[in-house]
Protein backbone atom coordinates (compact mmCIF):
# COMPACT_ATOMS: atom_id res chain seq x y z
CA MET A 1 -31.17 -9.75 -5.04
CA LEU A 2 -29.21 -10.22 -8.26
CA ARG A 3 -30.65 -12.65 -10.75
CA HIS A 4 -27.43 -13.07 -12.61
CA GLU A 5 -23.75 -12.41 -12.14
CA PHE A 6 -22.40 -8.97 -13.06
CA GLN A 7 -20.10 -9.21 -16.03
CA PRO A 8 -18.03 -6.06 -16.56
CA GLY A 9 -16.57 -7.29 -19.83
CA ARG A 10 -20.03 -7.44 -21.42
CA LEU A 11 -20.70 -3.90 -20.06
CA VAL A 12 -17.59 -2.52 -21.71
CA ALA A 13 -18.37 -4.27 -24.96
CA GLY A 14 -21.89 -2.94 -24.95
CA ALA A 15 -20.68 0.61 -24.24
CA PHE A 16 -18.30 0.60 -27.18
CA LEU A 17 -20.83 -0.90 -29.54
CA THR A 18 -23.42 1.55 -28.41
CA LEU A 19 -20.94 4.37 -29.07
CA ALA A 20 -20.33 3.02 -32.49
CA GLY A 21 -24.08 2.98 -33.15
CA ILE A 22 -24.36 6.57 -31.97
CA ILE A 23 -21.60 7.67 -34.31
CA TYR A 24 -23.23 6.05 -37.24
CA ALA A 25 -26.72 7.37 -36.21
CA GLY A 26 -25.29 10.88 -36.00
CA ASP A 27 -23.80 10.43 -39.44
CA ALA A 28 -27.06 9.11 -40.86
CA GLY A 29 -29.01 11.93 -39.28
CA GLY A 30 -26.76 14.57 -40.78
CA ALA A 31 -25.40 15.81 -37.45
CA TRP A 32 -21.78 15.13 -38.58
CA GLU A 33 -19.76 13.36 -41.26
CA THR A 34 -18.08 10.10 -40.22
CA PRO A 35 -15.80 8.21 -42.61
CA TRP A 36 -16.73 4.53 -42.70
CA PHE A 37 -13.29 3.34 -41.39
CA VAL A 38 -13.42 5.39 -38.12
CA VAL A 39 -15.63 2.94 -36.35
CA ILE A 40 -13.45 -0.06 -37.02
CA PRO A 41 -10.70 0.79 -34.57
CA LEU A 42 -13.31 1.81 -32.01
CA VAL A 43 -15.12 -1.53 -32.26
CA VAL A 44 -11.94 -3.66 -32.35
CA GLY A 45 -10.39 -1.70 -29.45
CA GLY A 46 -13.55 -1.92 -27.42
CA LEU A 47 -13.86 -5.68 -28.01
CA CYS A 48 -10.20 -6.20 -27.04
CA LEU A 49 -10.62 -4.03 -23.88
CA ALA A 50 -13.81 -6.00 -23.08
CA GLY A 51 -11.88 -9.27 -23.42
CA ALA A 52 -9.12 -7.98 -21.10
CA VAL A 53 -11.69 -6.88 -18.50
CA ALA A 54 -13.42 -10.27 -18.73
CA VAL A 55 -10.18 -12.15 -18.23
CA LEU A 56 -9.20 -9.87 -15.28
CA THR A 57 -12.71 -10.34 -13.72
CA ARG A 58 -12.43 -14.08 -13.99
CA ALA A 59 -9.01 -14.16 -12.49
CA ILE A 60 -10.12 -12.01 -9.57
CA ARG A 61 -13.26 -14.13 -8.96
CA ARG A 62 -11.23 -17.34 -9.14
CA ARG A 63 -8.69 -16.05 -6.69
CA ARG A 64 -11.38 -14.84 -4.20
CA GLY A 65 -13.46 -18.00 -4.64
CA SER A 66 -16.68 -16.32 -5.69
CA PRO A 67 -19.67 -17.83 -3.91
CA ARG A 68 -21.67 -17.79 -7.20
CA GLU A 69 -19.28 -20.30 -8.72
CA THR A 70 -19.72 -22.92 -6.00
CA ASN A 71 -22.67 -25.20 -6.26
CA PRO A 72 -24.44 -25.53 -2.90
CA THR A 73 -25.55 -28.96 -1.97
CA PRO A 74 -29.35 -29.41 -2.19
CA PRO A 75 -31.19 -29.87 1.12
CA GLU A 76 -31.74 -33.48 2.07
CA PRO A 77 -35.28 -34.67 1.72
CA HIS A 78 -37.26 -35.29 4.96
CA SER A 79 -37.60 -38.85 5.80
CA GLY A 80 -39.89 -40.04 8.57
CA ALA A 81 -43.31 -39.14 9.86
CA HIS A 82 -45.21 -36.12 8.65
CA HIS A 83 -46.43 -33.67 11.30
């Protein structure tokens, strides 16, 4: 059972930011040389893509009527004699 709703936009953003971190880590470790400005388009593009995915996901869930968005009515309390 899922404890929270899956959000693909956050997954995409996390993947691009992790990639940016890996690029800088490789540069810091001496595995390769990375100019400082290379990561900026990667992060900005990743965040834009994540935003587009989030908007698309929200539109799809709204259209389908996701069961997670609806608030179920709480059960009515028992009134009467106890058994």
